[in-house]
Every structure is written in structure tokens, then in C-alpha cells.
Amino acid sequence: HTAPFAKSPTDDMASGRGLHLVGALSERWGYETNRWGKVTWAVIATPI
């Protein structure tokens, strides 16, 4: 049930950039909580 969040990575960090990448590649991203946990999602634009 812990909300995902984009960290502020520093140059010497080996990880912590994943949600920044998701944000850059998607129109938007977020999460929905449920009784059992959550779904973290991203929406990407597609050509019509």
C-alpha cells in the first residue's frame, strides 16, 4: 500500500531513476490503491 514516488537521484546513485524514466516515456503515470495492494500504471500515446 506504499505509494510509489520518483526519487531525486544523484550522479553517484546506482538506482532511483526508474520512475523518472517512466515519466519521460509516458503521457502520465500514477497508481491506484485497492484493498489488496496497488496498481502502478503508465499511459503511453500511440499513433492513430
ModelCIF file with pLDDT and N, C-alpha, C, O atoms, coordinates in Angstrom:
data_MODEL
#
_entry.id   MODEL 
#
_entity.id                         1 
_entity.type                       polymer 
_entity.pdbx_number_of_molecules   1 
#
_entity_poly.entity_id                      1 
_entity_poly.type                           'polypeptide(L)' 
_entity_poly.nstd_linkage                   no 
_entity_poly.nstd_monomer                   no 
_entity_poly.pdbx_seq_one_letter_code       HTAPFAKSPTDDMASGRGLHLVGALSERWGYETNRWGKVTWAVIATPI 
_entity_poly.pdbx_seq_one_letter_code_can   HTAPFAKSPTDDMASGRGLHLVGALSERWGYETNRWGKVTWAVIATPI 
_entity_poly.pdbx_strand_id                 A 
#
loop_
_entity_poly_seq.entity_id 
_entity_poly_seq.num 
_entity_poly_seq.mon_id 
_entity_poly_seq.hetero 
1 1  HIS n 
1 2  THR n 
1 3  ALA n 
1 4  PRO n 
1 5  PHE n 
1 6  ALA n 
1 7  LYS n 
1 8  SER n 
1 9  PRO n 
1 10 THR n 
1 11 ASP n 
1 12 ASP n 
1 13 MET n 
1 14 ALA n 
1 15 SER n 
1 16 GLY n 
1 17 ARG n 
1 18 GLY n 
1 19 LEU n 
1 20 HIS n 
1 21 LEU n 
1 22 VAL n 
1 23 GLY n 
1 24 ALA n 
1 25 LEU n 
1 26 SER n 
1 27 GLU n 
1 28 ARG n 
1 29 TRP n 
1 30 GLY n 
1 31 TYR n 
1 32 GLU n 
1 33 THR n 
1 34 ASN n 
1 35 ARG n 
1 36 TRP n 
1 37 GLY n 
1 38 LYS n 
1 39 VAL n 
1 40 THR n 
1 41 TRP n 
1 42 ALA n 
1 43 VAL n 
1 44 ILE n 
1 45 ALA n 
1 46 THR n 
1 47 PRO n 
1 48 ILE n 
#
_struct_asym.id          A 
_struct_asym.entity_id   1 
#
loop_
_ma_qa_metric.id 
_ma_qa_metric.mode 
_ma_qa_metric.name 
_ma_qa_metric.software_group_id 
_ma_qa_metric.type 
1 global pLDDT . pLDDT 
2 local  pLDDT . pLDDT 
#
_ma_qa_metric_global.metric_id      1 
_ma_qa_metric_global.metric_value   83.44 
_ma_qa_metric_global.model_id       1 
_ma_qa_metric_global.ordinal_id     1 
#
loop_
_ma_qa_metric_local.label_asym_id 
_ma_qa_metric_local.label_comp_id 
_ma_qa_metric_local.label_seq_id 
_ma_qa_metric_local.metric_id 
_ma_qa_metric_local.metric_value 
_ma_qa_metric_local.model_id 
_ma_qa_metric_local.ordinal_id 
A HIS 1  2 92.00 1 1  
A THR 2  2 90.00 1 2  
A ALA 3  2 88.00 1 3  
A PRO 4  2 82.00 1 4  
A PHE 5  2 69.00 1 5  
A ALA 6  2 69.00 1 6  
A LYS 7  2 64.00 1 7  
A SER 8  2 64.00 1 8  
A PRO 9  2 62.00 1 9  
A THR 10 2 54.00 1 10 
A ASP 11 2 55.00 1 11 
A ASP 12 2 56.00 1 12 
A MET 13 2 51.00 1 13 
A ALA 14 2 50.00 1 14 
A SER 15 2 54.00 1 15 
A GLY 16 2 56.00 1 16 
A ARG 17 2 63.00 1 17 
A GLY 18 2 79.00 1 18 
A LEU 19 2 87.00 1 19 
A HIS 20 2 87.00 1 20 
A LEU 21 2 90.00 1 21 
A VAL 22 2 94.00 1 22 
A GLY 23 2 92.00 1 23 
A ALA 24 2 93.00 1 24 
A LEU 25 2 95.00 1 25 
A SER 26 2 96.00 1 26 
A GLU 27 2 96.00 1 27 
A ARG 28 2 96.00 1 28 
A TRP 29 2 96.00 1 29 
A GLY 30 2 96.00 1 30 
A TYR 31 2 96.00 1 31 
A GLU 32 2 96.00 1 32 
A THR 33 2 95.00 1 33 
A ASN 34 2 94.00 1 34 
A ARG 35 2 95.00 1 35 
A TRP 36 2 94.00 1 36 
A GLY 37 2 95.00 1 37 
A LYS 38 2 96.00 1 38 
A VAL 39 2 97.00 1 39 
A THR 40 2 97.00 1 40 
A TRP 41 2 97.00 1 41 
A ALA 42 2 97.00 1 42 
A VAL 43 2 97.00 1 43 
A ILE 44 2 97.00 1 44 
A ALA 45 2 94.00 1 45 
A THR 46 2 92.00 1 46 
A PRO 47 2 85.00 1 47 
A ILE 48 2 75.00 1 48 
#
loop_
_atom_site.group_PDB 
_atom_site.id 
_atom_site.type_symbol 
_atom_site.label_atom_id 
_atom_site.label_alt_id 
_atom_site.label_comp_id 
_atom_site.label_asym_id 
_atom_site.label_entity_id 
_atom_site.label_seq_id 
_atom_site.pdbx_PDB_ins_code 
_atom_site.Cartn_x 
_atom_site.Cartn_y 
_atom_site.Cartn_z 
_atom_site.occupancy 
_atom_site.B_iso_or_equiv 
_atom_site.pdbx_formal_charge 
_atom_site.auth_seq_id 
_atom_site.auth_comp_id 
_atom_site.auth_asym_id 
_atom_site.auth_atom_id 
_atom_site.pdbx_PDB_model_num 
ATOM 1   N N  . HIS A 1 1  ? 0.825  -1.209 0.000   1.00 92.00 ? 1  HIS A N  1 
ATOM 2   C CA . HIS A 1 1  ? 0.000  0.000  0.000   1.00 92.00 ? 1  HIS A CA 1 
ATOM 3   C C  . HIS A 1 1  ? 0.859  1.259  0.000   1.00 92.00 ? 1  HIS A C  1 
ATOM 4   O O  . HIS A 1 1  ? 0.331  2.369  0.064   1.00 92.00 ? 1  HIS A O  1 
ATOM 5   N N  . THR A 1 2  ? 2.163  1.098  -0.071  1.00 90.00 ? 2  THR A N  1 
ATOM 6   C CA . THR A 1 2  ? 3.080  2.226  -0.080  1.00 90.00 ? 2  THR A CA 1 
ATOM 7   C C  . THR A 1 2  ? 3.056  2.900  -1.445  1.00 90.00 ? 2  THR A C  1 
ATOM 8   O O  . THR A 1 2  ? 3.212  2.240  -2.473  1.00 90.00 ? 2  THR A O  1 
ATOM 9   N N  . ALA A 1 3  ? 2.862  4.206  -1.454  1.00 88.00 ? 3  ALA A N  1 
ATOM 10  C CA . ALA A 1 3  ? 2.791  4.964  -2.701  1.00 88.00 ? 3  ALA A CA 1 
ATOM 11  C C  . ALA A 1 3  ? 4.157  5.033  -3.375  1.00 88.00 ? 3  ALA A C  1 
ATOM 12  O O  . ALA A 1 3  ? 5.157  5.318  -2.717  1.00 88.00 ? 3  ALA A O  1 
ATOM 13  N N  . PRO A 1 4  ? 4.207  4.779  -4.670  1.00 82.00 ? 4  PRO A N  1 
ATOM 14  C CA . PRO A 1 4  ? 5.478  4.936  -5.382  1.00 82.00 ? 4  PRO A CA 1 
ATOM 15  C C  . PRO A 1 4  ? 5.793  6.427  -5.541  1.00 82.00 ? 4  PRO A C  1 
ATOM 16  O O  . PRO A 1 4  ? 4.884  7.249  -5.656  1.00 82.00 ? 4  PRO A O  1 
ATOM 17  N N  . PHE A 1 5  ? 7.064  6.763  -5.546  1.00 69.00 ? 5  PHE A N  1 
ATOM 18  C CA . PHE A 1 5  ? 7.439  8.163  -5.764  1.00 69.00 ? 5  PHE A CA 1 
ATOM 19  C C  . PHE A 1 5  ? 8.773  8.213  -6.477  1.00 69.00 ? 5  PHE A C  1 
ATOM 20  O O  . PHE A 1 5  ? 9.624  7.337  -6.322  1.00 69.00 ? 5  PHE A O  1 
ATOM 21  N N  . ALA A 1 6  ? 8.929  9.263  -7.260  1.00 69.00 ? 6  ALA A N  1 
ATOM 22  C CA . ALA A 1 6  ? 10.173 9.460  -8.001  1.00 69.00 ? 6  ALA A CA 1 
ATOM 23  C C  . ALA A 1 6  ? 11.192 10.105 -7.071  1.00 69.00 ? 6  ALA A C  1 
ATOM 24  O O  . ALA A 1 6  ? 10.965 11.198 -6.552  1.00 69.00 ? 6  ALA A O  1 
ATOM 25  N N  . LYS A 1 7  ? 12.306 9.430  -6.866  1.00 64.00 ? 7  LYS A N  1 
ATOM 26  C CA . LYS A 1 7  ? 13.384 9.951  -6.025  1.00 64.00 ? 7  LYS A CA 1 
ATOM 27  C C  . LYS A 1 7  ? 14.118 11.050 -6.762  1.00 64.00 ? 7  LYS A C  1 
ATOM 28  O O  . LYS A 1 7  ? 13.960 11.213 -7.972  1.00 64.00 ? 7  LYS A O  1 
ATOM 29  N N  . SER A 1 8  ? 14.909 11.793 -6.041  1.00 64.00 ? 8  SER A N  1 
ATOM 30  C CA . SER A 1 8  ? 15.802 12.779 -6.647  1.00 64.00 ? 8  SER A CA 1 
ATOM 31  C C  . SER A 1 8  ? 17.188 12.157 -6.674  1.00 64.00 ? 8  SER A C  1 
ATOM 32  O O  . SER A 1 8  ? 17.974 12.323 -5.741  1.00 64.00 ? 8  SER A O  1 
ATOM 33  N N  . PRO A 1 9  ? 17.482 11.437 -7.753  1.00 62.00 ? 9  PRO A N  1 
ATOM 34  C CA . PRO A 1 9  ? 18.763 10.715 -7.778  1.00 62.00 ? 9  PRO A CA 1 
ATOM 35  C C  . PRO A 1 9  ? 19.943 11.664 -7.944  1.00 62.00 ? 9  PRO A C  1 
ATOM 36  O O  . PRO A 1 9  ? 19.841 12.731 -8.548  1.00 62.00 ? 9  PRO A O  1 
ATOM 37  N N  . THR A 1 10 ? 21.055 11.235 -7.388  1.00 54.00 ? 10 THR A N  1 
ATOM 38  C CA . THR A 1 10 ? 22.301 11.959 -7.583  1.00 54.00 ? 10 THR A CA 1 
ATOM 39  C C  . THR A 1 10 ? 23.147 11.168 -8.579  1.00 54.00 ? 10 THR A C  1 
ATOM 40  O O  . THR A 1 10 ? 22.858 10.008 -8.874  1.00 54.00 ? 10 THR A O  1 
ATOM 41  N N  . ASP A 1 11 ? 24.179 11.802 -9.084  1.00 55.00 ? 11 ASP A N  1 
ATOM 42  C CA . ASP A 1 11 ? 25.026 11.147 -10.090 1.00 55.00 ? 11 ASP A CA 1 
ATOM 43  C C  . ASP A 1 11 ? 25.675 9.866  -9.584  1.00 55.00 ? 11 ASP A C  1 
ATOM 44  O O  . ASP A 1 11 ? 25.954 8.964  -10.375 1.00 55.00 ? 11 ASP A O  1 
ATOM 45  N N  . ASP A 1 12 ? 25.919 9.770  -8.287  1.00 56.00 ? 12 ASP A N  1 
ATOM 46  C CA . ASP A 1 12 ? 26.604 8.595  -7.763  1.00 56.00 ? 12 ASP A CA 1 
ATOM 47  C C  . ASP A 1 12 ? 25.652 7.479  -7.331  1.00 56.00 ? 12 ASP A C  1 
ATOM 48  O O  . ASP A 1 12 ? 26.106 6.442  -6.847  1.00 56.00 ? 12 ASP A O  1 
ATOM 49  N N  . MET A 1 13 ? 24.339 7.672  -7.495  1.00 51.00 ? 13 MET A N  1 
ATOM 50  C CA . MET A 1 13 ? 23.375 6.624  -7.144  1.00 51.00 ? 13 MET A CA 1 
ATOM 51  C C  . MET A 1 13 ? 23.293 5.582  -8.251  1.00 51.00 ? 13 MET A C  1 
ATOM 52  O O  . MET A 1 13 ? 23.229 5.919  -9.433  1.00 51.00 ? 13 MET A O  1 
ATOM 53  N N  . ALA A 1 14 ? 23.296 4.307  -7.852  1.00 50.00 ? 14 ALA A N  1 
ATOM 54  C CA . ALA A 1 14 ? 23.217 3.213  -8.828  1.00 50.00 ? 14 ALA A CA 1 
ATOM 55  C C  . ALA A 1 14 ? 21.787 2.971  -9.283  1.00 50.00 ? 14 ALA A C  1 
ATOM 56  O O  . ALA A 1 14 ? 21.575 2.367  -10.334 1.00 50.00 ? 14 ALA A O  1 
ATOM 57  N N  . SER A 1 15 ? 20.797 3.429  -8.516  1.00 54.00 ? 15 SER A N  1 
ATOM 58  C CA . SER A 1 15 ? 19.390 3.230  -8.878  1.00 54.00 ? 15 SER A CA 1 
ATOM 59  C C  . SER A 1 15 ? 18.603 4.476  -8.483  1.00 54.00 ? 15 SER A C  1 
ATOM 60  O O  . SER A 1 15 ? 19.180 5.460  -8.020  1.00 54.00 ? 15 SER A O  1 
ATOM 61  N N  . GLY A 1 16 ? 17.300 4.429  -8.664  1.00 56.00 ? 16 GLY A N  1 
ATOM 62  C CA . GLY A 1 16 ? 16.460 5.551  -8.267  1.00 56.00 ? 16 GLY A CA 1 
ATOM 63  C C  . GLY A 1 16 ? 15.965 6.406  -9.409  1.00 56.00 ? 16 GLY A C  1 
ATOM 64  O O  . GLY A 1 16 ? 15.330 7.435  -9.181  1.00 56.00 ? 16 GLY A O  1 
ATOM 65  N N  . ARG A 1 17 ? 16.244 5.997  -10.642 1.00 63.00 ? 17 ARG A N  1 
ATOM 66  C CA . ARG A 1 17 ? 15.836 6.795  -11.799 1.00 63.00 ? 17 ARG A CA 1 
ATOM 67  C C  . ARG A 1 17 ? 14.634 6.211  -12.547 1.00 63.00 ? 17 ARG A C  1 
ATOM 68  O O  . ARG A 1 17 ? 14.156 6.802  -13.516 1.00 63.00 ? 17 ARG A O  1 
ATOM 69  N N  . GLY A 1 18 ? 14.144 5.044  -12.095 1.00 79.00 ? 18 GLY A N  1 
ATOM 70  C CA . GLY A 1 18 ? 13.116 4.321  -12.831 1.00 79.00 ? 18 GLY A CA 1 
ATOM 71  C C  . GLY A 1 18 ? 11.848 5.103  -13.086 1.00 79.00 ? 18 GLY A C  1 
ATOM 72  O O  . GLY A 1 18 ? 11.370 5.142  -14.219 1.00 79.00 ? 18 GLY A O  1 
ATOM 73  N N  . LEU A 1 19 ? 11.284 5.734  -12.053 1.00 87.00 ? 19 LEU A N  1 
ATOM 74  C CA . LEU A 1 19 ? 10.034 6.465  -12.262 1.00 87.00 ? 19 LEU A CA 1 
ATOM 75  C C  . LEU A 1 19 ? 10.247 7.751  -13.044 1.00 87.00 ? 19 LEU A C  1 
ATOM 76  O O  . LEU A 1 19 ? 9.316  8.242  -13.683 1.00 87.00 ? 19 LEU A O  1 
ATOM 77  N N  . HIS A 1 20 ? 11.459 8.309  -13.006 1.00 87.00 ? 20 HIS A N  1 
ATOM 78  C CA . HIS A 1 20 ? 11.764 9.449  -13.881 1.00 87.00 ? 20 HIS A CA 1 
ATOM 79  C C  . HIS A 1 20 ? 11.720 9.000  -15.340 1.00 87.00 ? 20 HIS A C  1 
ATOM 80  O O  . HIS A 1 20 ? 11.204 9.709  -16.205 1.00 87.00 ? 20 HIS A O  1 
ATOM 81  N N  . LEU A 1 21 ? 12.267 7.816  -15.599 1.00 90.00 ? 21 LEU A N  1 
ATOM 82  C CA . LEU A 1 21 ? 12.235 7.251  -16.949 1.00 90.00 ? 21 LEU A CA 1 
ATOM 83  C C  . LEU A 1 21 ? 10.790 6.979  -17.377 1.00 90.00 ? 21 LEU A C  1 
ATOM 84  O O  . LEU A 1 21 ? 10.403 7.306  -18.498 1.00 90.00 ? 21 LEU A O  1 
ATOM 85  N N  . VAL A 1 22 ? 9.995  6.382  -16.486 1.00 94.00 ? 22 VAL A N  1 
ATOM 86  C CA . VAL A 1 22 ? 8.574  6.126  -16.784 1.00 94.00 ? 22 VAL A CA 1 
ATOM 87  C C  . VAL A 1 22 ? 7.881  7.447  -17.114 1.00 94.00 ? 22 VAL A C  1 
ATOM 88  O O  . VAL A 1 22 ? 7.123  7.523  -18.081 1.00 94.00 ? 22 VAL A O  1 
ATOM 89  N N  . GLY A 1 23 ? 8.132  8.479  -16.324 1.00 92.00 ? 23 GLY A N  1 
ATOM 90  C CA . GLY A 1 23 ? 7.530  9.786  -16.580 1.00 92.00 ? 23 GLY A CA 1 
ATOM 91  C C  . GLY A 1 23 ? 7.940  10.381 -17.912 1.00 92.00 ? 23 GLY A C  1 
ATOM 92  O O  . GLY A 1 23 ? 7.127  11.012 -18.588 1.00 92.00 ? 23 GLY A O  1 
ATOM 93  N N  . ALA A 1 24 ? 9.189  10.187 -18.294 1.00 93.00 ? 24 ALA A N  1 
ATOM 94  C CA . ALA A 1 24 ? 9.686  10.723 -19.567 1.00 93.00 ? 24 ALA A CA 1 
ATOM 95  C C  . ALA A 1 24 ? 9.106  9.984  -20.768 1.00 93.00 ? 24 ALA A C  1 
ATOM 96  O O  . ALA A 1 24 ? 8.907  10.581 -21.826 1.00 93.00 ? 24 ALA A O  1 
ATOM 97  N N  . LEU A 1 25 ? 8.833  8.691  -20.613 1.00 95.00 ? 25 LEU A N  1 
ATOM 98  C CA . LEU A 1 25 ? 8.355  7.881  -21.736 1.00 95.00 ? 25 LEU A CA 1 
ATOM 99  C C  . LEU A 1 25 ? 6.832  7.841  -21.862 1.00 95.00 ? 25 LEU A C  1 
ATOM 100 O O  . LEU A 1 25 ? 6.307  7.386  -22.878 1.00 95.00 ? 25 LEU A O  1 
ATOM 101 N N  . SER A 1 26 ? 6.126  8.311  -20.842 1.00 96.00 ? 26 SER A N  1 
ATOM 102 C CA . SER A 1 26 ? 4.667  8.210  -20.841 1.00 96.00 ? 26 SER A CA 1 
ATOM 103 C C  . SER A 1 26 ? 4.023  9.591  -20.842 1.00 96.00 ? 26 SER A C  1 
ATOM 104 O O  . SER A 1 26 ? 4.656  10.602 -20.538 1.00 96.00 ? 26 SER A O  1 
ATOM 105 N N  . GLU A 1 27 ? 2.730  9.593  -21.198 1.00 96.00 ? 27 GLU A N  1 
ATOM 106 C CA . GLU A 1 27 ? 1.960  10.839 -21.092 1.00 96.00 ? 27 GLU A CA 1 
ATOM 107 C C  . GLU A 1 27 ? 1.729  11.184 -19.631 1.00 96.00 ? 27 GLU A C  1 
ATOM 108 O O  . GLU A 1 27 ? 1.771  12.348 -19.233 1.00 96.00 ? 27 GLU A O  1 
ATOM 109 N N  . ARG A 1 28 ? 1.484  10.142 -18.837 1.00 96.00 ? 28 ARG A N  1 
ATOM 110 C CA . ARG A 1 28 ? 1.271  10.301 -17.402 1.00 96.00 ? 28 ARG A CA 1 
ATOM 111 C C  . ARG A 1 28 ? 1.431  8.940  -16.749 1.00 96.00 ? 28 ARG A C  1 
ATOM 112 O O  . ARG A 1 28 ? 1.333  7.903  -17.406 1.00 96.00 ? 28 ARG A O  1 
ATOM 113 N N  . TRP A 1 29 ? 1.678  8.959  -15.453 1.00 96.00 ? 29 TRP A N  1 
ATOM 114 C CA . TRP A 1 29 ? 1.749  7.716  -14.690 1.00 96.00 ? 29 TRP A CA 1 
ATOM 115 C C  . TRP A 1 29 ? 1.163  7.981  -13.311 1.00 96.00 ? 29 TRP A C  1 
ATOM 116 O O  . TRP A 1 29 ? 1.029  9.127  -12.882 1.00 96.00 ? 29 TRP A O  1 
ATOM 117 N N  . GLY A 1 30 ? 0.822  6.905  -12.634 1.00 96.00 ? 30 GLY A N  1 
ATOM 118 C CA . GLY A 1 30 ? 0.257  7.049  -11.300 1.00 96.00 ? 30 GLY A CA 1 
ATOM 119 C C  . GLY A 1 30 ? 0.023  5.684  -10.685 1.00 96.00 ? 30 GLY A C  1 
ATOM 120 O O  . GLY A 1 30 ? 0.589  4.681  -11.120 1.00 96.00 ? 30 GLY A O  1 
ATOM 121 N N  . TYR A 1 31 ? -0.821 5.664  -9.667  1.00 96.00 ? 31 TYR A N  1 
ATOM 122 C CA . TYR A 1 31 ? -1.135 4.403  -9.019  1.00 96.00 ? 31 TYR A CA 1 
ATOM 123 C C  . TYR A 1 31 ? -2.554 4.463  -8.463  1.00 96.00 ? 31 TYR A C  1 
ATOM 124 O O  . TYR A 1 31 ? -3.100 5.535  -8.200  1.00 96.00 ? 31 TYR A O  1 
ATOM 125 N N  . GLU A 1 32 ? -3.126 3.287  -8.297  1.00 96.00 ? 32 GLU A N  1 
ATOM 126 C CA . GLU A 1 32 ? -4.452 3.142  -7.704  1.00 96.00 ? 32 GLU A CA 1 
ATOM 127 C C  . GLU A 1 32 ? -4.318 2.167  -6.557  1.00 96.00 ? 32 GLU A C  1 
ATOM 128 O O  . GLU A 1 32 ? -3.734 1.095  -6.719  1.00 96.00 ? 32 GLU A O  1 
ATOM 129 N N  . THR A 1 33 ? -4.856 2.524  -5.387  1.00 95.00 ? 33 THR A N  1 
ATOM 130 C CA . THR A 1 33 ? -4.824 1.600  -4.265  1.00 95.00 ? 33 THR A CA 1 
ATOM 131 C C  . THR A 1 33 ? -6.104 0.786  -4.235  1.00 95.00 ? 33 THR A C  1 
ATOM 132 O O  . THR A 1 33 ? -7.171 1.246  -4.640  1.00 95.00 ? 33 THR A O  1 
ATOM 133 N N  . ASN A 1 34 ? -5.968 -0.410 -3.755  1.00 94.00 ? 34 ASN A N  1 
ATOM 134 C CA . ASN A 1 34 ? -7.081 -1.345 -3.601  1.00 94.00 ? 34 ASN A CA 1 
ATOM 135 C C  . ASN A 1 34 ? -6.969 -1.966 -2.214  1.00 94.00 ? 34 ASN A C  1 
ATOM 136 O O  . ASN A 1 34 ? -5.994 -1.739 -1.499  1.00 94.00 ? 34 ASN A O  1 
ATOM 137 N N  . ARG A 1 35 ? -7.956 -2.735 -1.850  1.00 95.00 ? 35 ARG A N  1 
ATOM 138 C CA . ARG A 1 35 ? -7.956 -3.447 -0.577  1.00 95.00 ? 35 ARG A CA 1 
ATOM 139 C C  . ARG A 1 35 ? -6.711 -4.332 -0.449  1.00 95.00 ? 35 ARG A C  1 
ATOM 140 O O  . ARG A 1 35 ? -6.125 -4.431 0.629   1.00 95.00 ? 35 ARG A O  1 
ATOM 141 N N  . TRP A 1 36 ? -6.317 -4.965 -1.535  1.00 94.00 ? 36 TRP A N  1 
ATOM 142 C CA . TRP A 1 36 ? -5.237 -5.943 -1.539  1.00 94.00 ? 36 TRP A CA 1 
ATOM 143 C C  . TRP A 1 36 ? -3.862 -5.354 -1.843  1.00 94.00 ? 36 TRP A C  1 
ATOM 144 O O  . TRP A 1 36 ? -2.862 -6.057 -1.700  1.00 94.00 ? 36 TRP A O  1 
ATOM 145 N N  . GLY A 1 37 ? -3.778 -4.095 -2.257  1.00 95.00 ? 37 GLY A N  1 
ATOM 146 C CA . GLY A 1 37 ? -2.492 -3.506 -2.620  1.00 95.00 ? 37 GLY A CA 1 
ATOM 147 C C  . GLY A 1 37 ? -2.680 -2.352 -3.580  1.00 95.00 ? 37 GLY A C  1 
ATOM 148 O O  . GLY A 1 37 ? -3.536 -1.493 -3.365  1.00 95.00 ? 37 GLY A O  1 
ATOM 149 N N  . LYS A 1 38 ? -1.886 -2.327 -4.637  1.00 96.00 ? 38 LYS A N  1 
ATOM 150 C CA . LYS A 1 38 ? -1.991 -1.225 -5.600  1.00 96.00 ? 38 LYS A CA 1 
ATOM 151 C C  . LYS A 1 38 ? -1.611 -1.684 -7.000  1.00 96.00 ? 38 LYS A C  1 
ATOM 152 O O  . LYS A 1 38 ? -1.022 -2.747 -7.195  1.00 96.00 ? 38 LYS A O  1 
ATOM 153 N N  . VAL A 1 39 ? -1.969 -0.844 -7.968  1.00 97.00 ? 39 VAL A N  1 
ATOM 154 C CA . VAL A 1 39 ? -1.537 -0.994 -9.352  1.00 97.00 ? 39 VAL A CA 1 
ATOM 155 C C  . VAL A 1 39 ? -0.822 0.302  -9.724  1.00 97.00 ? 39 VAL A C  1 
ATOM 156 O O  . VAL A 1 39 ? -1.392 1.389  -9.636  1.00 97.00 ? 39 VAL A O  1 
ATOM 157 N N  . THR A 1 40 ? 0.415  0.170  -10.134 1.00 97.00 ? 40 THR A N  1 
ATOM 158 C CA . THR A 1 40 ? 1.156  1.317  -10.644 1.00 97.00 ? 40 THR A CA 1 
ATOM 159 C C  . THR A 1 40 ? 1.069  1.239  -12.160 1.00 97.00 ? 40 THR A C  1 
ATOM 160 O O  . THR A 1 40 ? 1.307  0.181  -12.744 1.00 97.00 ? 40 THR A O  1 
ATOM 161 N N  . TRP A 1 41 ? 0.726  2.357  -12.804 1.00 97.00 ? 41 TRP A N  1 
ATOM 162 C CA . TRP A 1 41 ? 0.421  2.334  -14.228 1.00 97.00 ? 41 TRP A CA 1 
ATOM 163 C C  . TRP A 1 41 ? 1.074  3.518  -14.946 1.00 97.00 ? 41 TRP A C  1 
ATOM 164 O O  . TRP A 1 41 ? 1.476  4.509  -14.335 1.00 97.00 ? 41 TRP A O  1 
ATOM 165 N N  . ALA A 1 42 ? 1.159  3.368  -16.255 1.00 97.00 ? 42 ALA A N  1 
ATOM 166 C CA . ALA A 1 42 ? 1.614  4.451  -17.128 1.00 97.00 ? 42 ALA A CA 1 
ATOM 167 C C  . ALA A 1 42 ? 0.803  4.388  -18.411 1.00 97.00 ? 42 ALA A C  1 
ATOM 168 O O  . ALA A 1 42 ? 0.471  3.306  -18.896 1.00 97.00 ? 42 ALA A O  1 
ATOM 169 N N  . VAL A 1 43 ? 0.490  5.546  -18.952 1.00 97.00 ? 43 VAL A N  1 
ATOM 170 C CA . VAL A 1 43 ? -0.235 5.647  -20.217 1.00 97.00 ? 43 VAL A CA 1 
ATOM 171 C C  . VAL A 1 43 ? 0.719  6.194  -21.265 1.00 97.00 ? 43 VAL A C  1 
ATOM 172 O O  . VAL A 1 43 ? 1.348  7.234  -21.072 1.00 97.00 ? 43 VAL A O  1 
ATOM 173 N N  . ILE A 1 44 ? 0.817  5.470  -22.386 1.00 97.00 ? 44 ILE A N  1 
ATOM 174 C CA . ILE A 1 44 ? 1.665  5.949  -23.477 1.00 97.00 ? 44 ILE A CA 1 
ATOM 175 C C  . ILE A 1 44 ? 0.795  6.315  -24.671 1.00 97.00 ? 44 ILE A C  1 
ATOM 176 O O  . ILE A 1 44 ? -0.204 5.660  -24.966 1.00 97.00 ? 44 ILE A O  1 
ATOM 177 N N  . ALA A 1 45 ? 1.204  7.373  -25.342 1.00 94.00 ? 45 ALA A N  1 
ATOM 178 C CA . ALA A 1 45 ? 0.495  7.828  -26.536 1.00 94.00 ? 45 ALA A CA 1 
ATOM 179 C C  . ALA A 1 45 ? 0.824  6.901  -27.694 1.00 94.00 ? 45 ALA A C  1 
ATOM 180 O O  . ALA A 1 45 ? 1.950  6.421  -27.830 1.00 94.00 ? 45 ALA A O  1 
ATOM 181 N N  . THR A 1 46 ? -0.179 6.660  -28.523 1.00 92.00 ? 46 THR A N  1 
ATOM 182 C CA . THR A 1 46 ? 0.014  5.820  -29.706 1.00 92.00 ? 46 THR A CA 1 
ATOM 183 C C  . THR A 1 46 ? -0.464 6.569  -30.937 1.00 92.00 ? 46 THR A C  1 
ATOM 184 O O  . THR A 1 46 ? -1.379 7.388  -30.847 1.00 92.00 ? 46 THR A O  1 
ATOM 185 N N  . PRO A 1 47 ? 0.138  6.302  -32.077 1.00 85.00 ? 47 PRO A N  1 
ATOM 186 C CA . PRO A 1 47 ? -0.338 6.956  -33.307 1.00 85.00 ? 47 PRO A CA 1 
ATOM 187 C C  . PRO A 1 47 ? -1.715 6.438  -33.670 1.00 85.00 ? 47 PRO A C  1 
ATOM 188 O O  . PRO A 1 47 ? -2.003 5.251  -33.514 1.00 85.00 ? 47 PRO A O  1 
ATOM 189 N N  . ILE A 1 48 ? -2.560 7.326  -34.153 1.00 75.00 ? 48 ILE A N  1 
ATOM 190 C CA . ILE A 1 48 ? -3.892 6.935  -34.623 1.00 75.00 ? 48 ILE A CA 1 
ATOM 191 C C  . ILE A 1 48 ? -3.750 6.521  -36.087 1.00 75.00 ? 48 ILE A C  1 
ATOM 192 O O  . ILE A 1 48 ? -4.737 6.146  -36.721 1.00 75.00 ? 48 ILE A O  1 
#
